[in-house]
Amino acid sequence: MSDHRPDPRDPLSELSASEQALYLRRSSLRFLECAIHLCATHMTLEEVADLLEQEAEQLRRFG
């Protein structure tokens, strides 16, 4: 990933950075959804829910 910061005097650069961030967010969400669906094909829904809850707890605790 790039740490390129948009030039506040350049609206195109700012728009590009904003759209890139939105694209990466959407891509990350799609990947997560696919991973959850894959887990659900090989685990019970209860197991998937437990796993997600454990992961959420770790994120909250350790960031």
N, C-alpha and C. Protein backbone atom coordinates (compact mmCIF):
# COMPACT_ATOMS: atom_id res chain seq x y z
N MET A 1 0.82 -1.17 0.00
CA MET A 1 0.00 0.00 0.00
C MET A 1 0.87 1.24 0.00
N SER A 2 0.32 2.27 -0.53
CA SER A 2 1.05 3.53 -0.63
C SER A 2 0.67 4.45 0.51
N ASP A 3 1.67 5.17 1.01
CA ASP A 3 1.41 6.18 2.03
C ASP A 3 1.30 7.55 1.40
N HIS A 4 1.01 7.58 0.10
CA HIS A 4 0.90 8.83 -0.61
C HIS A 4 -0.24 9.65 -0.03
N ARG A 5 0.07 10.85 0.38
CA ARG A 5 -0.95 11.75 0.91
C ARG A 5 -1.37 12.72 -0.19
N PRO A 6 -2.68 12.92 -0.36
CA PRO A 6 -3.12 13.81 -1.43
C PRO A 6 -2.72 15.26 -1.14
N ASP A 7 -2.43 15.96 -2.20
CA ASP A 7 -2.11 17.38 -2.10
C ASP A 7 -3.43 18.13 -1.91
N PRO A 8 -3.61 18.83 -0.78
CA PRO A 8 -4.89 19.50 -0.54
C PRO A 8 -5.21 20.58 -1.58
N ARG A 9 -4.21 21.01 -2.34
CA ARG A 9 -4.45 22.01 -3.38
C ARG A 9 -4.86 21.37 -4.69
N ASP A 10 -4.83 20.03 -4.75
CA ASP A 10 -5.13 19.30 -5.98
C ASP A 10 -6.38 18.45 -5.77
N PRO A 11 -7.55 18.95 -6.21
CA PRO A 11 -8.80 18.20 -5.97
C PRO A 11 -8.81 16.82 -6.63
N LEU A 12 -8.14 16.65 -7.76
CA LEU A 12 -8.10 15.35 -8.41
C LEU A 12 -7.34 14.34 -7.57
N SER A 13 -6.24 14.78 -6.97
CA SER A 13 -5.47 13.91 -6.09
C SER A 13 -6.28 13.51 -4.87
N GLU A 14 -7.01 14.47 -4.33
CA GLU A 14 -7.87 14.19 -3.16
C GLU A 14 -8.98 13.22 -3.53
N LEU A 15 -9.62 13.43 -4.67
CA LEU A 15 -10.68 12.52 -5.13
C LEU A 15 -10.13 11.12 -5.37
N SER A 16 -8.96 11.05 -5.99
CA SER A 16 -8.33 9.76 -6.26
C SER A 16 -8.05 9.00 -4.96
N ALA A 17 -7.51 9.68 -3.98
CA ALA A 17 -7.22 9.04 -2.69
C ALA A 17 -8.50 8.57 -2.01
N SER A 18 -9.54 9.37 -2.08
CA SER A 18 -10.82 9.01 -1.48
C SER A 18 -11.43 7.79 -2.16
N GLU A 19 -11.41 7.76 -3.47
CA GLU A 19 -11.96 6.63 -4.22
C GLU A 19 -11.14 5.36 -3.99
N GLN A 20 -9.83 5.52 -3.87
CA GLN A 20 -8.98 4.36 -3.58
C GLN A 20 -9.33 3.77 -2.22
N ALA A 21 -9.52 4.62 -1.22
CA ALA A 21 -9.89 4.16 0.12
C ALA A 21 -11.24 3.44 0.10
N LEU A 22 -12.20 3.97 -0.64
CA LEU A 22 -13.51 3.32 -0.74
C LEU A 22 -13.40 1.96 -1.44
N TYR A 23 -12.61 1.90 -2.51
CA TYR A 23 -12.41 0.64 -3.22
C TYR A 23 -11.78 -0.41 -2.31
N LEU A 24 -10.75 -0.02 -1.58
CA LEU A 24 -10.08 -0.97 -0.68
C LEU A 24 -11.02 -1.44 0.42
N ARG A 25 -11.87 -0.56 0.92
CA ARG A 25 -12.84 -0.94 1.94
C ARG A 25 -13.84 -1.96 1.37
N ARG A 26 -14.37 -1.66 0.17
CA ARG A 26 -15.33 -2.59 -0.46
C ARG A 26 -14.67 -3.93 -0.74
N SER A 27 -13.45 -3.92 -1.22
CA SER A 27 -12.73 -5.16 -1.51
C SER A 27 -12.51 -5.97 -0.25
N SER A 28 -12.16 -5.30 0.82
CA SER A 28 -11.95 -5.98 2.10
C SER A 28 -13.24 -6.61 2.60
N LEU A 29 -14.34 -5.90 2.48
CA LEU A 29 -15.63 -6.44 2.91
C LEU A 29 -16.02 -7.65 2.07
N ARG A 30 -15.81 -7.57 0.75
CA ARG A 30 -16.11 -8.72 -0.13
C ARG A 30 -15.28 -9.93 0.28
N PHE A 31 -14.00 -9.71 0.54
CA PHE A 31 -13.12 -10.81 0.93
C PHE A 31 -13.61 -11.44 2.23
N LEU A 32 -13.98 -10.61 3.20
CA LEU A 32 -14.49 -11.13 4.47
C LEU A 32 -15.77 -11.93 4.25
N GLU A 33 -16.68 -11.41 3.43
CA GLU A 33 -17.91 -12.14 3.15
C GLU A 33 -17.63 -13.49 2.51
N CYS A 34 -16.71 -13.52 1.56
CA CYS A 34 -16.35 -14.79 0.91
C CYS A 34 -15.75 -15.77 1.91
N ALA A 35 -14.89 -15.27 2.80
CA ALA A 35 -14.28 -16.14 3.81
C ALA A 35 -15.35 -16.71 4.75
N ILE A 36 -16.30 -15.88 5.14
CA ILE A 36 -17.38 -16.35 6.02
C ILE A 36 -18.21 -17.42 5.30
N HIS A 37 -18.54 -17.18 4.03
CA HIS A 37 -19.31 -18.16 3.27
C HIS A 37 -18.54 -19.47 3.10
N LEU A 38 -17.24 -19.37 2.89
CA LEU A 38 -16.42 -20.58 2.78
C LEU A 38 -16.43 -21.35 4.09
N CYS A 39 -16.26 -20.63 5.21
CA CYS A 39 -16.31 -21.31 6.52
C CYS A 39 -17.66 -22.00 6.70
N ALA A 40 -18.72 -21.33 6.28
CA ALA A 40 -20.07 -21.88 6.48
C ALA A 40 -20.31 -23.13 5.65
N THR A 41 -19.51 -23.35 4.60
CA THR A 41 -19.70 -24.57 3.82
C THR A 41 -19.03 -25.77 4.48
N HIS A 42 -18.11 -25.52 5.43
CA HIS A 42 -17.37 -26.61 6.05
C HIS A 42 -17.52 -26.66 7.57
N MET A 43 -18.29 -25.73 8.12
CA MET A 43 -18.50 -25.67 9.57
C MET A 43 -19.98 -25.40 9.80
N THR A 44 -20.43 -25.67 11.01
CA THR A 44 -21.81 -25.30 11.32
C THR A 44 -21.88 -23.78 11.46
N LEU A 45 -23.07 -23.26 11.29
CA LEU A 45 -23.24 -21.81 11.45
C LEU A 45 -22.91 -21.37 12.88
N GLU A 46 -23.20 -22.21 13.84
CA GLU A 46 -22.85 -21.91 15.23
C GLU A 46 -21.34 -21.81 15.39
N GLU A 47 -20.60 -22.72 14.76
CA GLU A 47 -19.14 -22.67 14.83
C GLU A 47 -18.60 -21.40 14.17
N VAL A 48 -19.18 -21.04 13.04
CA VAL A 48 -18.75 -19.82 12.35
C VAL A 48 -19.03 -18.60 13.23
N ALA A 49 -20.22 -18.55 13.81
CA ALA A 49 -20.58 -17.42 14.68
C ALA A 49 -19.63 -17.34 15.88
N ASP A 50 -19.32 -18.49 16.48
CA ASP A 50 -18.39 -18.50 17.62
C ASP A 50 -17.02 -17.99 17.21
N LEU A 51 -16.56 -18.44 16.06
CA LEU A 51 -15.25 -18.01 15.55
C LEU A 51 -15.23 -16.50 15.32
N LEU A 52 -16.27 -15.99 14.70
CA LEU A 52 -16.34 -14.55 14.44
C LEU A 52 -16.41 -13.74 15.74
N GLU A 53 -17.13 -14.26 16.71
CA GLU A 53 -17.19 -13.58 18.01
C GLU A 53 -15.82 -13.56 18.69
N GLN A 54 -15.09 -14.67 18.60
CA GLN A 54 -13.73 -14.72 19.17
C GLN A 54 -12.82 -13.71 18.47
N GLU A 55 -12.91 -13.65 17.16
CA GLU A 55 -12.09 -12.71 16.39
C GLU A 55 -12.45 -11.26 16.74
N ALA A 56 -13.73 -10.99 16.87
CA ALA A 56 -14.17 -9.64 17.22
C ALA A 56 -13.64 -9.25 18.60
N GLU A 57 -13.69 -10.17 19.53
CA GLU A 57 -13.19 -9.91 20.88
C GLU A 57 -11.69 -9.60 20.85
N GLN A 58 -10.93 -10.35 20.06
CA GLN A 58 -9.50 -10.10 19.95
C GLN A 58 -9.22 -8.73 19.34
N LEU A 59 -10.01 -8.36 18.33
CA LEU A 59 -9.84 -7.04 17.72
C LEU A 59 -10.11 -5.93 18.73
N ARG A 60 -11.16 -6.11 19.50
CA ARG A 60 -11.49 -5.09 20.52
C ARG A 60 -10.41 -5.00 21.59
N ARG A 61 -9.89 -6.15 21.98
CA ARG A 61 -8.89 -6.19 23.06
C ARG A 61 -7.53 -5.70 22.58
N PHE A 62 -7.09 -6.17 21.43
CA PHE A 62 -5.71 -5.90 21.01
C PHE A 62 -5.61 -4.90 19.85
N GLY A 63 -6.75 -4.50 19.31
CA GLY A 63 -6.74 -3.53 18.23
C GLY A 63 -6.33 -4.13 16.98
